[in-house]
Amino acid sequence: MKFNVMLAPTTKLPAGKNTKATNILNGTDNATKKALVTPIKNMSTINTSIKPITIEFTNSLTTNLTSFFREAHHFDILASHILKLGKTRQIELWCSACSTGEEAYSIAIAADAAGLPPDACAIDAADLSVGALDAARAGVFGPRSFREDMPLDRTRYFDQRPGERVWRIKPAYRSMVQF
């Protein structure tokens, strides 16, 4: 069973004439401009088949605003659906616009909290920003990734090395997510 989970914010185009996206477009030839606005049909090839200028342009349009359990009620709804399905079913989820991974890993944590074993949940996560995907794959998060008003047992889901201010997602939860 596959669910589409969309938790990322709506991306707004930059305003004004001096935005990075506008500067990129102004400095390119017509063929490159056409390539920049041509829809991408196969998301699995986005990071390997497009030109560096396309990547730079796309990254200039993304917001990458994220945190763990950013829209907490979404995860409550997801957990209730998981409970209805039962703990013995294999489920697949898609997290579009996953940014730097907080949303995708929040889905993994919510599935675990609902009693779903890690090997029974597969999460496919995607984002247009190559840099955001690289950060998501690393699974390392600083204080800005955690909201003050969201109680989360970090020691259950993350490892922290002595003296570091960052938290690393534990392997069991990392293995649930494919970027």
Foldseek 3Di string as FASTA:
>chain_A
DEEEDEDDDDFDADDDCPAPLNVLLVPDDPVVVVVLPDDDDDQVCLVPPDDPSSLSNLQSRDDLDAAACPPVVSLVVVLVVLLVVPQPAAYEYEYEQCFLARDLLSNLVSNVVSPHFLVRAAYEYDHSHPVSPVNNLQQKAAPSRYDPPDDDPLVVQWDDDPPDRITHGDPSSSVRYDD
